[in-house]
Amino acid sequence: MKSYNDLEIYQKAFSLAIQIHQMSLKLPRYELYEQGSQIRRSSKRIKDTIVEGYGRRRYKDDFIKFLVYAQGSCDETISHLRMISEIHFPESPLTEFIEQYDSLGRQINKFIQYVEKNWKRKDY
């Protein structure tokens, strides 16, 4: 692993953040700065905290802490998706997004477990 770009969880979080950004711009105008802004920030925060944790990877506890933050932001994004889906997309719920974020959360959790068990300090 040469870069955070090599992490599958980062790649998935980045891709989903772009999709969420595009979806949020289709919300009614009055929601662009309410629910739209909230979901854009939480979805982008997942990839950002993965990157920040990776930058601190030589300190295992810091790496894990930021991965846990990413998982928390993933849960927050799911919560926003459920609310937006219920209010604005009742006929065509955002189930696919919710499932993708649920899957990402599980992947982040597995990566946290991997780091907890296997991460060794390396000279970078």
PDB file of N, CA and C in Angstrom:
ATOM      1  N   MET A   1       0.851  -1.167   0.000  1.00  0.00           N
ATOM      2  CA  MET A   1       0.000   0.000   0.000  1.00  0.00           C
ATOM      3  C   MET A   1       0.901   1.236   0.000  1.00  0.00           C
ATOM      4  N   LYS A   2       0.864   1.968  -1.085  1.00  0.00           N
ATOM      5  CA  LYS A   2       1.740   3.124  -1.225  1.00  0.00           C
ATOM      6  C   LYS A   2       1.046   4.435  -0.859  1.00  0.00           C
ATOM      7  N   SER A   3      -0.281   4.432  -0.914  1.00  0.00           N
ATOM      8  CA  SER A   3      -1.031   5.657  -0.718  1.00  0.00           C
ATOM      9  C   SER A   3      -2.434   5.310  -0.226  1.00  0.00           C
ATOM     10  N   TYR A   4      -3.109   6.296   0.361  1.00  0.00           N
ATOM     11  CA  TYR A   4      -4.500   6.090   0.740  1.00  0.00           C
ATOM     12  C   TYR A   4      -5.352   5.765  -0.479  1.00  0.00           C
ATOM     13  N   ASN A   5      -4.896   6.183  -1.664  1.00  0.00           N
ATOM     14  CA  ASN A   5      -5.630   5.866  -2.897  1.00  0.00           C
ATOM     15  C   ASN A   5      -5.712   4.370  -3.149  1.00  0.00           C
ATOM     16  N   ASP A   6      -4.813   3.609  -2.538  1.00  0.00           N
ATOM     17  CA  ASP A   6      -4.809   2.154  -2.704  1.00  0.00           C
ATOM     18  C   ASP A   6      -5.847   1.466  -1.821  1.00  0.00           C
ATOM     19  N   LEU A   7      -6.388   2.180  -0.853  1.00  0.00           N
ATOM     20  CA  LEU A   7      -7.372   1.595   0.055  1.00  0.00           C
ATOM     21  C   LEU A   7      -8.733   1.501  -0.632  1.00  0.00           C
ATOM     22  N   GLU A   8      -9.288   0.318  -0.648  1.00  0.00           N
ATOM     23  CA  GLU A   8     -10.613   0.117  -1.250  1.00  0.00           C
ATOM     24  C   GLU A   8     -11.677   0.960  -0.546  1.00  0.00           C
ATOM     25  N   ILE A   9     -11.560   1.102   0.779  1.00  0.00           N
ATOM     26  CA  ILE A   9     -12.547   1.902   1.504  1.00  0.00           C
ATOM     27  C   ILE A   9     -12.481   3.374   1.087  1.00  0.00           C
ATOM     28  N   TYR A  10     -11.281   3.858   0.796  1.00  0.00           N
ATOM     29  CA  TYR A  10     -11.157   5.239   0.325  1.00  0.00           C
ATOM     30  C   TYR A  10     -11.787   5.379  -1.060  1.00  0.00           C
ATOM     31  N   GLN A  11     -11.466   4.462  -1.950  1.00  0.00           N
ATOM     32  CA  GLN A  11     -11.987   4.526  -3.317  1.00  0.00           C
ATOM     33  C   GLN A  11     -13.520   4.507  -3.320  1.00  0.00           C
ATOM     34  N   LYS A  12     -14.091   3.630  -2.504  1.00  0.00           N
ATOM     35  CA  LYS A  12     -15.549   3.530  -2.440  1.00  0.00           C
ATOM     36  C   LYS A  12     -16.148   4.787  -1.816  1.00  0.00           C
ATOM     37  N   ALA A  13     -15.544   5.285  -0.749  1.00  0.00           N
ATOM     38  CA  ALA A  13     -16.047   6.497  -0.091  1.00  0.00           C
ATOM     39  C   ALA A  13     -15.986   7.694  -1.035  1.00  0.00           C
ATOM     40  N   PHE A  14     -14.920   7.796  -1.809  1.00  0.00           N
ATOM     41  CA  PHE A  14     -14.761   8.900  -2.759  1.00  0.00           C
ATOM     42  C   PHE A  14     -15.853   8.837  -3.825  1.00  0.00           C
ATOM     43  N   SER A  15     -16.025   7.659  -4.399  1.00  0.00           N
ATOM     44  CA  SER A  15     -17.031   7.470  -5.448  1.00  0.00           C
ATOM     45  C   SER A  15     -18.442   7.776  -4.926  1.00  0.00           C
ATOM     46  N   LEU A  16     -18.756   7.275  -3.757  1.00  0.00           N
ATOM     47  CA  LEU A  16     -20.079   7.527  -3.185  1.00  0.00           C
ATOM     48  C   LEU A  16     -20.281   9.005  -2.851  1.00  0.00           C
ATOM     49  N   ALA A  17     -19.240   9.675  -2.379  1.00  0.00           N
ATOM     50  CA  ALA A  17     -19.361  11.104  -2.062  1.00  0.00           C
ATOM     51  C   ALA A  17     -19.703  11.913  -3.302  1.00  0.00           C
ATOM     52  N   ILE A  18     -19.129  11.550  -4.424  1.00  0.00           N
ATOM     53  CA  ILE A  18     -19.457  12.242  -5.681  1.00  0.00           C
ATOM     54  C   ILE A  18     -20.919  11.992  -6.053  1.00  0.00           C
ATOM     55  N   GLN A  19     -21.349  10.741  -5.931  1.00  0.00           N
ATOM     56  CA  GLN A  19     -22.737  10.411  -6.257  1.00  0.00           C
ATOM     57  C   GLN A  19     -23.725  11.125  -5.334  1.00  0.00           C
ATOM     58  N   ILE A  20     -23.387  11.186  -4.060  1.00  0.00           N
ATOM     59  CA  ILE A  20     -24.247  11.879  -3.091  1.00  0.00           C
ATOM     60  C   ILE A  20     -24.296  13.373  -3.403  1.00  0.00           C
ATOM     61  N   HIS A  21     -23.160  13.945  -3.742  1.00  0.00           N
ATOM     62  CA  HIS A  21     -23.120  15.361  -4.094  1.00  0.00           C
ATOM     63  C   HIS A  21     -24.083  15.635  -5.258  1.00  0.00           C
ATOM     64  N   GLN A  22     -23.997  14.814  -6.288  1.00  0.00           N
ATOM     65  CA  GLN A  22     -24.863  15.001  -7.463  1.00  0.00           C
ATOM     66  C   GLN A  22     -26.336  14.802  -7.113  1.00  0.00           C
ATOM     67  N   MET A  23     -26.641  13.780  -6.309  1.00  0.00           N
ATOM     68  CA  MET A  23     -28.025  13.534  -5.905  1.00  0.00           C
ATOM     69  C   MET A  23     -28.557  14.703  -5.080  1.00  0.00           C
ATOM     70  N   SER A  24     -27.734  15.228  -4.184  1.00  0.00           N
ATOM     71  CA  SER A  24     -28.195  16.291  -3.283  1.00  0.00           C
ATOM     72  C   SER A  24     -28.546  17.567  -4.028  1.00  0.00           C
ATOM     73  N   LEU A  25     -27.921  17.783  -5.170  1.00  0.00           N
ATOM     74  CA  LEU A  25     -28.225  18.986  -5.953  1.00  0.00           C
ATOM     75  C   LEU A  25     -29.580  18.895  -6.641  1.00  0.00           C
ATOM     76  N   LYS A  26     -30.189  17.725  -6.618  1.00  0.00           N
ATOM     77  CA  LYS A  26     -31.527  17.531  -7.187  1.00  0.00           C
ATOM     78  C   LYS A  26     -32.629  17.732  -6.146  1.00  0.00           C
ATOM     79  N   LEU A  27     -32.231  17.985  -4.906  1.00  0.00           N
ATOM     80  CA  LEU A  27     -33.214  18.236  -3.857  1.00  0.00           C
ATOM     81  C   LEU A  27     -33.887  19.585  -4.108  1.00  0.00           C
ATOM     82  N   PRO A  28     -35.071  19.775  -3.530  1.00  0.00           N
ATOM     83  CA  PRO A  28     -35.716  21.089  -3.664  1.00  0.00           C
ATOM     84  C   PRO A  28     -34.793  22.201  -3.169  1.00  0.00           C
ATOM     85  N   ARG A  29     -34.948  23.352  -3.754  1.00  0.00           N
ATOM     86  CA  ARG A  29     -34.071  24.492  -3.449  1.00  0.00           C
ATOM     87  C   ARG A  29     -33.955  24.766  -1.946  1.00  0.00           C
ATOM     88  N   TYR A  30     -35.070  24.676  -1.239  1.00  0.00           N
ATOM     89  CA  TYR A  30     -35.041  24.971   0.194  1.00  0.00           C
ATOM     90  C   TYR A  30     -34.229  23.942   0.994  1.00  0.00           C
ATOM     91  N   GLU A  31     -33.946  22.777   0.402  1.00  0.00           N
ATOM     92  CA  GLU A  31     -33.165  21.754   1.094  1.00  0.00           C
ATOM     93  C   GLU A  31     -31.680  21.783   0.734  1.00  0.00           C
ATOM     94  N   LEU A  32     -31.301  22.559  -0.275  1.00  0.00           N
ATOM     95  CA  LEU A  32     -29.901  22.571  -0.702  1.00  0.00           C
ATOM     96  C   LEU A  32     -28.953  22.952   0.429  1.00  0.00           C
ATOM     97  N   TYR A  33     -29.390  23.860   1.296  1.00  0.00           N
ATOM     98  CA  TYR A  33     -28.516  24.318   2.374  1.00  0.00           C
ATOM     99  C   TYR A  33     -28.907  23.731   3.726  1.00  0.00           C
ATOM    100  N   GLU A  34     -29.890  22.874   3.725  1.00  0.00           N
ATOM    101  CA  GLU A  34     -30.275  22.182   4.953  1.00  0.00           C
ATOM    102  C   GLU A  34     -29.809  20.740   4.859  1.00  0.00           C
ATOM    103  N   GLN A  35     -30.728  19.873   4.511  1.00  0.00           N
ATOM    104  CA  GLN A  35     -30.416  18.451   4.420  1.00  0.00           C
ATOM    105  C   GLN A  35     -29.356  18.180   3.351  1.00  0.00           C
ATOM    106  N   GLY A  36     -29.385  18.921   2.249  1.00  0.00           N
ATOM    107  CA  GLY A  36     -28.398  18.720   1.184  1.00  0.00           C
ATOM    108  C   GLY A  36     -26.981  18.995   1.658  1.00  0.00           C
ATOM    109  N   SER A  37     -26.810  20.084   2.354  1.00  0.00           N
ATOM    110  CA  SER A  37     -25.488  20.435   2.870  1.00  0.00           C
ATOM    111  C   SER A  37     -25.009  19.411   3.899  1.00  0.00           C
ATOM    112  N   GLN A  38     -25.916  18.983   4.763  1.00  0.00           N
ATOM    113  CA  GLN A  38     -25.562  18.009   5.797  1.00  0.00           C
ATOM    114  C   GLN A  38     -25.045  16.714   5.185  1.00  0.00           C
ATOM    115  N   ILE A  39     -25.773  16.202   4.187  1.00  0.00           N
ATOM    116  CA  ILE A  39     -25.372  14.920   3.608  1.00  0.00           C
ATOM    117  C   ILE A  39     -24.109  15.060   2.767  1.00  0.00           C
ATOM    118  N   ARG A  40     -23.943  16.196   2.107  1.00  0.00           N
ATOM    119  CA  ARG A  40     -22.698  16.400   1.347  1.00  0.00           C
ATOM    120  C   ARG A  40     -21.502  16.385   2.292  1.00  0.00           C
ATOM    121  N   ARG A  41     -21.632  17.073   3.417  1.00  0.00           N
ATOM    122  CA  ARG A  41     -20.512  17.135   4.367  1.00  0.00           C
ATOM    123  C   ARG A  41     -20.223  15.786   5.017  1.00  0.00           C
ATOM    124  N   SER A  42     -21.264  15.083   5.433  1.00  0.00           N
ATOM    125  CA  SER A  42     -21.007  13.796   6.103  1.00  0.00           C
ATOM    126  C   SER A  42     -20.427  12.773   5.138  1.00  0.00           C
ATOM    127  N   SER A  43     -20.897  12.762   3.892  1.00  0.00           N
ATOM    128  CA  SER A  43     -20.378  11.782   2.928  1.00  0.00           C
ATOM    129  C   SER A  43     -18.924  12.094   2.559  1.00  0.00           C
ATOM    130  N   LYS A  44     -18.586  13.355   2.441  1.00  0.00           N
ATOM    131  CA  LYS A  44     -17.204  13.731   2.104  1.00  0.00           C
ATOM    132  C   LYS A  44     -16.268  13.536   3.304  1.00  0.00           C
ATOM    133  N   ARG A  45     -16.829  13.675   4.503  1.00  0.00           N
ATOM    134  CA  ARG A  45     -16.007  13.518   5.708  1.00  0.00           C
ATOM    135  C   ARG A  45     -15.494  12.084   5.843  1.00  0.00           C
ATOM    136  N   ILE A  46     -16.228  11.103   5.312  1.00  0.00           N
ATOM    137  CA  ILE A  46     -15.779   9.709   5.394  1.00  0.00           C
ATOM    138  C   ILE A  46     -14.423   9.565   4.711  1.00  0.00           C
ATOM    139  N   LYS A  47     -14.347   9.997   3.458  1.00  0.00           N
ATOM    140  CA  LYS A  47     -13.090   9.867   2.709  1.00  0.00           C
ATOM    141  C   LYS A  47     -11.994  10.726   3.336  1.00  0.00           C
ATOM    142  N   ASP A  48     -12.367  11.893   3.830  1.00  0.00           N
ATOM    143  CA  ASP A  48     -11.372  12.797   4.412  1.00  0.00           C
ATOM    144  C   ASP A  48     -10.757  12.244   5.692  1.00  0.00           C
ATOM    145  N   THR A  49     -11.569  11.610   6.532  1.00  0.00           N
ATOM    146  CA  THR A  49     -11.000  11.064   7.765  1.00  0.00           C
ATOM    147  C   THR A  49     -10.196   9.797   7.498  1.00  0.00           C
ATOM    148  N   ILE A  50     -10.545   9.057   6.451  1.00  0.00           N
ATOM    149  CA  ILE A  50      -9.707   7.926   6.045  1.00  0.00           C
ATOM    150  C   ILE A  50      -8.329   8.448   5.637  1.00  0.00           C
ATOM    151  N   VAL A  51      -8.314   9.527   4.848  1.00  0.00           N
ATOM    152  CA  VAL A  51      -7.046  10.123   4.401  1.00  0.00           C
ATOM    153  C   VAL A  51      -6.249  10.635   5.600  1.00  0.00           C
ATOM    154  N   GLU A  52      -6.912  11.324   6.515  1.00  0.00           N
ATOM    155  CA  GLU A  52      -6.200  11.868   7.668  1.00  0.00           C
ATOM    156  C   GLU A  52      -5.636  10.742   8.535  1.00  0.00           C
ATOM    157  N   GLY A  53      -6.422   9.693   8.728  1.00  0.00           N
ATOM    158  CA  GLY A  53      -5.931   8.541   9.488  1.00  0.00           C
ATOM    159  C   GLY A  53      -4.746   7.892   8.808  1.00  0.00           C
ATOM    160  N   TYR A  54      -4.826   7.749   7.497  1.00  0.00           N
ATOM    161  CA  TYR A  54      -3.724   7.146   6.762  1.00  0.00           C
ATOM    162  C   TYR A  54      -2.454   7.991   6.919  1.00  0.00           C
ATOM    163  N   GLY A  55      -2.625   9.290   6.954  1.00  0.00           N
ATOM    164  CA  GLY A  55      -1.481  10.179   7.145  1.00  0.00           C
ATOM    165  C   GLY A  55      -0.827  10.001   8.512  1.00  0.00           C
ATOM    166  N   ARG A  56      -1.566   9.451   9.460  1.00  0.00           N
ATOM    167  CA  ARG A  56      -1.041   9.207  10.818  1.00  0.00           C
ATOM    168  C   ARG A  56      -0.799   7.715  11.060  1.00  0.00           C
ATOM    169  N   ARG A  57      -0.701   6.941   9.997  1.00  0.00           N
ATOM    170  CA  ARG A  57      -0.637   5.484  10.091  1.00  0.00           C
ATOM    171  C   ARG A  57       0.537   4.959  10.903  1.00  0.00           C
ATOM    172  N   ARG A  58       1.574   5.744  11.043  1.00  0.00           N
ATOM    173  CA  ARG A  58       2.698   5.259  11.856  1.00  0.00           C
ATOM    174  C   ARG A  58       2.316   5.183  13.329  1.00  0.00           C
ATOM    175  N   TYR A  59       1.237   5.871  13.709  1.00  0.00           N
ATOM    176  CA  TYR A  59       0.709   5.827  15.066  1.00  0.00           C
ATOM    177  C   TYR A  59      -0.592   5.034  15.031  1.00  0.00           C
ATOM    178  N   LYS A  60      -0.493   3.762  15.307  1.00  0.00           N
ATOM    179  CA  LYS A  60      -1.611   2.832  15.168  1.00  0.00           C
ATOM    180  C   LYS A  60      -2.890   3.359  15.826  1.00  0.00           C
ATOM    181  N   ASP A  61      -2.791   3.873  17.052  1.00  0.00           N
ATOM    182  CA  ASP A  61      -3.980   4.349  17.756  1.00  0.00           C
ATOM    183  C   ASP A  61      -4.635   5.529  17.037  1.00  0.00           C
ATOM    184  N   ASP A  62      -3.831   6.424  16.490  1.00  0.00           N
ATOM    185  CA  ASP A  62      -4.395   7.547  15.723  1.00  0.00           C
ATOM    186  C   ASP A  62      -5.077   7.045  14.452  1.00  0.00           C
ATOM    187  N   PHE A  63      -4.440   6.112  13.775  1.00  0.00           N
ATOM    188  CA  PHE A  63      -5.010   5.542  12.559  1.00  0.00           C
ATOM    189  C   PHE A  63      -6.386   4.955  12.872  1.00  0.00           C
ATOM    190  N   ILE A  64      -6.457   4.158  13.927  1.00  0.00           N
ATOM    191  CA  ILE A  64      -7.729   3.538  14.310  1.00  0.00           C
ATOM    192  C   ILE A  64      -8.752   4.601  14.684  1.00  0.00           C
ATOM    193  N   LYS A  65      -8.332   5.609  15.431  1.00  0.00           N
ATOM    194  CA  LYS A  65      -9.257   6.670  15.850  1.00  0.00           C
ATOM    195  C   LYS A  65      -9.911   7.329  14.640  1.00  0.00           C
ATOM    196  N   PHE A  66      -9.135   7.647  13.619  1.00  0.00           N
ATOM    197  CA  PHE A  66      -9.699   8.308  12.445  1.00  0.00           C
ATOM    198  C   PHE A  66     -10.557   7.357  11.613  1.00  0.00           C
ATOM    199  N   LEU A  67     -10.219   6.090  11.605  1.00  0.00           N
ATOM    200  CA  LEU A  67     -11.079   5.113  10.922  1.00  0.00           C
ATOM    201  C   LEU A  67     -12.424   4.990  11.645  1.00  0.00           C
ATOM    202  N   VAL A  68     -12.410   5.067  12.960  1.00  0.00           N
ATOM    203  CA  VAL A  68     -13.655   5.051  13.731  1.00  0.00           C
ATOM    204  C   VAL A  68     -14.472   6.305  13.417  1.00  0.00           C
ATOM    205  N   TYR A  69     -13.807   7.456  13.281  1.00  0.00           N
ATOM    206  CA  TYR A  69     -14.522   8.674  12.879  1.00  0.00           C
ATOM    207  C   TYR A  69     -15.165   8.489  11.509  1.00  0.00           C
ATOM    208  N   ALA A  70     -14.443   7.854  10.593  1.00  0.00           N
ATOM    209  CA  ALA A  70     -14.988   7.611   9.248  1.00  0.00           C
ATOM    210  C   ALA A  70     -16.223   6.731   9.337  1.00  0.00           C
ATOM    211  N   GLN A  71     -16.172   5.728  10.193  1.00  0.00           N
ATOM    212  CA  GLN A  71     -17.323   4.849  10.363  1.00  0.00           C
ATOM    213  C   GLN A  71     -18.509   5.620  10.950  1.00  0.00           C
ATOM    214  N   GLY A  72     -18.241   6.515  11.889  1.00  0.00           N
ATOM    215  CA  GLY A  72     -19.300   7.355  12.455  1.00  0.00           C
ATOM    216  C   GLY A  72     -19.924   8.258  11.401  1.00  0.00           C
ATOM    217  N   SER A  73     -19.111   8.817  10.524  1.00  0.00           N
ATOM    218  CA  SER A  73     -19.629   9.664   9.442  1.00  0.00           C
ATOM    219  C   SER A  73     -20.435   8.836   8.447  1.00  0.00           C
ATOM    220  N   CYS A  74     -20.044   7.604   8.271  1.00  0.00           N
ATOM    221  CA  CYS A  74     -20.793   6.694   7.401  1.00  0.00           C
ATOM    222  C   CYS A  74     -22.193   6.465   7.995  1.00  0.00           C
ATOM    223  N   ASP A  75     -22.257   6.214   9.294  1.00  0.00           N
ATOM    224  CA  ASP A  75     -23.551   6.044   9.967  1.00  0.00           C
ATOM    225  C   ASP A  75     -24.390   7.318   9.859  1.00  0.00           C
ATOM    226  N   GLU A  76     -23.748   8.461  10.020  1.00  0.00           N
ATOM    227  CA  GLU A  76     -24.454   9.738   9.901  1.00  0.00           C
ATOM    228  C   GLU A  76     -25.026   9.896   8.496  1.00  0.00           C
ATOM    229  N   THR A  77     -24.260   9.524   7.490  1.00  0.00           N
ATOM    230  CA  THR A  77     -24.721   9.634   6.108  1.00  0.00           C
ATOM    231  C   THR A  77     -25.938   8.740   5.877  1.00  0.00           C
ATOM    232  N   ILE A  78     -25.917   7.542   6.439  1.00  0.00           N
ATOM    233  CA  ILE A  78     -27.075   6.646   6.318  1.00  0.00           C
ATOM    234  C   ILE A  78     -28.309   7.287   6.951  1.00  0.00           C
ATOM    235  N   SER A  79     -28.130   7.903   8.091  1.00  0.00           N
ATOM    236  CA  SER A  79     -29.242   8.581   8.756  1.00  0.00           C
ATOM    237  C   SER A  79     -29.819   9.695   7.880  1.00  0.00           C
ATOM    238  N   HIS A  80     -28.939  10.502   7.283  1.00  0.00           N
ATOM    239  CA  HIS A  80     -29.408  11.565   6.373  1.00  0.00           C
ATOM    240  C   HIS A  80     -30.124  10.971   5.164  1.00  0.00           C
ATOM    241  N   LEU A  81     -29.564   9.891   4.623  1.00  0.00           N
ATOM    242  CA  LEU A  81     -30.185   9.248   3.456  1.00  0.00           C
ATOM    243  C   LEU A  81     -31.594   8.761   3.782  1.00  0.00           C
ATOM    244  N   ARG A  82     -31.763   8.179   4.954  1.00  0.00           N
ATOM    245  CA  ARG A  82     -33.092   7.699   5.340  1.00  0.00           C
ATOM    246  C   ARG A  82     -34.084   8.853   5.432  1.00  0.00           C
ATOM    247  N   MET A  83     -33.642   9.959   6.005  1.00  0.00           N
ATOM    248  CA  MET A  83     -34.524  11.124   6.148  1.00  0.00           C
ATOM    249  C   MET A  83     -34.874  11.701   4.776  1.00  0.00           C
ATOM    250  N   ILE A  84     -33.865  11.900   3.953  1.00  0.00           N
ATOM    251  CA  ILE A  84     -34.103  12.460   2.609  1.00  0.00           C
ATOM    252  C   ILE A  84     -34.990  11.527   1.795  1.00  0.00           C
ATOM    253  N   SER A  85     -34.736  10.243   1.894  1.00  0.00           N
ATOM    254  CA  SER A  85     -35.521   9.258   1.156  1.00  0.00           C
ATOM    255  C   SER A  85     -36.989   9.331   1.567  1.00  0.00           C
ATOM    256  N   GLU A  86     -37.212   9.358   2.854  1.00  0.00           N
ATOM    257  CA  GLU A  86     -38.584   9.389   3.379  1.00  0.00           C
ATOM    258  C   GLU A  86     -39.327  10.664   2.976  1.00  0.00           C
ATOM    259  N   ILE A  87     -38.639  11.784   3.023  1.00  0.00           N
ATOM    260  CA  ILE A  87     -39.285  13.070   2.748  1.00  0.00           C
ATOM    261  C   ILE A  87     -39.405  13.363   1.253  1.00  0.00           C
ATOM    262  N   HIS A  88     -38.334  13.120   0.500  1.00  0.00           N
ATOM    263  CA  HIS A  88     -38.281  13.592  -0.877  1.00  0.00           C
ATOM    264  C   HIS A  88     -38.384  12.505  -1.947  1.00  0.00           C
ATOM    265  N   PHE A  89     -38.170  11.258  -1.583  1.00  0.00           N
ATOM    266  CA  PHE A  89     -38.204  10.184  -2.582  1.00  0.00           C
ATOM    267  C   PHE A  89     -39.059   8.999  -2.124  1.00  0.00           C
ATOM    268  N   PRO A  90     -40.281   9.248  -1.631  1.00  0.00           N
ATOM    269  CA  PRO A  90     -41.083   8.133  -1.110  1.00  0.00           C
ATOM    270  C   PRO A  90     -41.453   7.096  -2.184  1.00  0.00           C
ATOM    271  N   GLU A  91     -41.627   7.540  -3.425  1.00  0.00           N
ATOM    272  CA  GLU A  91     -41.973   6.610  -4.502  1.00  0.00           C
ATOM    273  C   GLU A  91     -40.764   5.827  -4.992  1.00  0.00           C
ATOM    274  N   SER A  92     -39.600   6.401  -4.868  1.00  0.00           N
ATOM    275  CA  SER A  92     -38.384   5.737  -5.323  1.00  0.00           C
ATOM    276  C   SER A  92     -37.299   5.973  -4.282  1.00  0.00           C
ATOM    277  N   PRO A  93     -37.369   5.208  -3.184  1.00  0.00           N
ATOM    278  CA  PRO A  93     -36.445   5.430  -2.064  1.00  0.00           C
ATOM    279  C   PRO A  93     -34.980   5.257  -2.452  1.00  0.00           C
ATOM    280  N   LEU A  94     -34.131   5.817  -1.641  1.00  0.00           N
ATOM    281  CA  LEU A  94     -32.688   5.782  -1.888  1.00  0.00           C
ATOM    282  C   LEU A  94     -32.060   4.514  -1.306  1.00  0.00           C
ATOM    283  N   THR A  95     -32.747   3.409  -1.469  1.00  0.00           N
ATOM    284  CA  THR A  95     -32.329   2.129  -0.900  1.00  0.00           C
ATOM    285  C   THR A  95     -30.932   1.722  -1.357  1.00  0.00           C
ATOM    286  N   GLU A  96     -30.631   1.922  -2.625  1.00  0.00           N
ATOM    287  CA  GLU A  96     -29.318   1.503  -3.137  1.00  0.00           C
ATOM    288  C   GLU A  96     -28.188   2.263  -2.438  1.00  0.00           C
ATOM    289  N   PHE A  97     -28.362   3.575  -2.256  1.00  0.00           N
ATOM    290  CA  PHE A  97     -27.349   4.357  -1.542  1.00  0.00           C
ATOM    291  C   PHE A  97     -27.200   3.847  -0.104  1.00  0.00           C
ATOM    292  N   ILE A  98     -28.325   3.608   0.549  1.00  0.00           N
ATOM    293  CA  ILE A  98     -28.287   3.145   1.940  1.00  0.00           C
ATOM    294  C   ILE A  98     -27.541   1.819   2.021  1.00  0.00           C
ATOM    295  N   GLU A  99     -27.820   0.916   1.098  1.00  0.00           N
ATOM    296  CA  GLU A  99     -27.135  -0.387   1.085  1.00  0.00           C
ATOM    297  C   GLU A  99     -25.641  -0.232   0.808  1.00  0.00           C
ATOM    298  N   GLN A 100     -25.282   0.682  -0.091  1.00  0.00           N
ATOM    299  CA  GLN A 100     -23.865   0.892  -0.399  1.00  0.00           C
ATOM    300  C   GLN A 100     -23.122   1.467   0.809  1.00  0.00           C
ATOM    301  N   TYR A 101     -23.755   2.392   1.519  1.00  0.00           N
ATOM    302  CA  TYR A 101     -23.113   2.952   2.708  1.00  0.00           C
ATOM    303  C   TYR A 101     -23.065   1.938   3.846  1.00  0.00           C
ATOM    304  N   ASP A 102     -24.087   1.094   3.945  1.00  0.00           N
ATOM    305  CA  ASP A 102     -24.059   0.031   4.933  1.00  0.00           C
ATOM    306  C   ASP A 102     -22.893  -0.918   4.653  1.00  0.00           C
ATOM    307  N   SER A 103     -22.709  -1.247   3.382  1.00  0.00           N
ATOM    308  CA  SER A 103     -21.591  -2.096   2.965  1.00  0.00           C
ATOM    309  C   SER A 103     -20.250  -1.412   3.260  1.00  0.00           C
ATOM    310  N   LEU A 104     -20.145  -0.129   2.961  1.00  0.00           N
ATOM    311  CA  LEU A 104     -18.918   0.616   3.242  1.00  0.00           C
ATOM    312  C   LEU A 104     -18.625   0.607   4.740  1.00  0.00           C
ATOM    313  N   GLY A 105     -19.647   0.792   5.560  1.00  0.00           N
ATOM    314  CA  GLY A 105     -19.455   0.761   7.013  1.00  0.00           C
ATOM    315  C   GLY A 105     -18.902  -0.572   7.480  1.00  0.00           C
ATOM    316  N   ARG A 106     -19.409  -1.657   6.900  1.00  0.00           N
ATOM    317  CA  ARG A 106     -18.887  -2.983   7.250  1.00  0.00           C
ATOM    318  C   ARG A 106     -17.430  -3.131   6.809  1.00  0.00           C
ATOM    319  N   GLN A 107     -17.107  -2.598   5.623  1.00  0.00           N
ATOM    320  CA  GLN A 107     -15.721  -2.661   5.139  1.00  0.00           C
ATOM    321  C   GLN A 107     -14.789  -1.858   6.036  1.00  0.00           C
ATOM    322  N   ILE A 108     -15.226  -0.683   6.453  1.00  0.00           N
ATOM    323  CA  ILE A 108     -14.408   0.133   7.359  1.00  0.00           C
ATOM    324  C   ILE A 108     -14.192  -0.623   8.659  1.00  0.00           C
ATOM    325  N   ASN A 109     -15.243  -1.249   9.182  1.00  0.00           N
ATOM    326  CA  ASN A 109     -15.129  -2.016  10.426  1.00  0.00           C
ATOM    327  C   ASN A 109     -14.120  -3.158  10.270  1.00  0.00           C
ATOM    328  N   LYS A 110     -14.178  -3.866   9.159  1.00  0.00           N
ATOM    329  CA  LYS A 110     -13.215  -4.952   8.920  1.00  0.00           C
ATOM    330  C   LYS A 110     -11.790  -4.407   8.827  1.00  0.00           C
ATOM    331  N   PHE A 111     -11.641  -3.235   8.205  1.00  0.00           N
ATOM    332  CA  PHE A 111     -10.308  -2.645   8.107  1.00  0.00           C
ATOM    333  C   PHE A 111      -9.802  -2.219   9.482  1.00  0.00           C
ATOM    334  N   ILE A 112     -10.691  -1.696  10.322  1.00  0.00           N
ATOM    335  CA  ILE A 112     -10.311  -1.341  11.694  1.00  0.00           C
ATOM    336  C   ILE A 112      -9.806  -2.593  12.411  1.00  0.00           C
ATOM    337  N   GLN A 113     -10.528  -3.689  12.277  1.00  0.00           N
ATOM    338  CA  GLN A 113     -10.116  -4.947  12.914  1.00  0.00           C
ATOM    339  C   GLN A 113      -8.753  -5.400  12.384  1.00  0.00           C
ATOM    340  N   TYR A 114      -8.544  -5.253  11.085  1.00  0.00           N
ATOM    341  CA  TYR A 114      -7.256  -5.614  10.495  1.00  0.00           C
ATOM    342  C   TYR A 114      -6.131  -4.770  11.101  1.00  0.00           C
ATOM    343  N   VAL A 115      -6.348  -3.466  11.170  1.00  0.00           N
ATOM    344  CA  VAL A 115      -5.321  -2.570  11.717  1.00  0.00           C
ATOM    345  C   VAL A 115      -5.053  -2.914  13.180  1.00  0.00           C
ATOM    346  N   GLU A 116      -6.129  -3.164  13.946  1.00  0.00           N
ATOM    347  CA  GLU A 116      -5.949  -3.506  15.366  1.00  0.00           C
ATOM    348  C   GLU A 116      -5.081  -4.748  15.548  1.00  0.00           C
ATOM    349  N   LYS A 117      -5.254  -5.730  14.696  1.00  0.00           N
ATOM    350  CA  LYS A 117      -4.557  -7.010  14.865  1.00  0.00           C
ATOM    351  C   LYS A 117      -3.201  -7.061  14.174  1.00  0.00           C
ATOM    352  N   ASN A 118      -3.060  -6.382  13.042  1.00  0.00           N
ATOM    353  CA  ASN A 118      -1.899  -6.622  12.191  1.00  0.00           C
ATOM    354  C   ASN A 118      -0.994  -5.426  11.938  1.00  0.00           C
ATOM    355  N   TRP A 119      -1.409  -4.243  12.318  1.00  0.00           N
ATOM    356  CA  TRP A 119      -0.637  -3.053  11.931  1.00  0.00           C
ATOM    357  C   TRP A 119       0.631  -2.968  12.748  1.00  0.00           C
ATOM    358  N   LYS A 120       1.716  -2.843  12.053  1.00  0.00           N
ATOM    359  CA  LYS A 120       3.023  -2.685  12.693  1.00  0.00           C
ATOM    360  C   LYS A 120       3.575  -1.327  12.326  1.00  0.00           C
ATOM    361  N   ARG A 121       4.280  -0.721  13.243  1.00  0.00           N
ATOM    362  CA  ARG A 121       4.912   0.557  12.950  1.00  0.00           C
ATOM    363  C   ARG A 121       5.998   0.310  11.906  1.00  0.00           C
ATOM    364  N   LYS A 122       5.961   1.141  10.904  1.00  0.00           N
ATOM    365  CA  LYS A 122       6.970   1.061   9.855  1.00  0.00           C
ATOM    366  C   LYS A 122       7.680   2.404   9.752  1.00  0.00           C
ATOM    367  N   ASP A 123       8.880   2.383   9.291  1.00  0.00           N
ATOM    368  CA  ASP A 123       9.579   3.643   9.067  1.00  0.00           C
ATOM    369  C   ASP A 123       9.190   4.172   7.699  1.00  0.00           C
ATOM    370  N   TYR A 124       8.496   5.296   7.701  1.00  0.00           N
ATOM    371  CA  TYR A 124       8.000   5.885   6.445  1.00  0.00           C
ATOM    372  C   TYR A 124       8.872   7.020   6.023  1.00  0.00           C
TER     373      TYR A 124
END
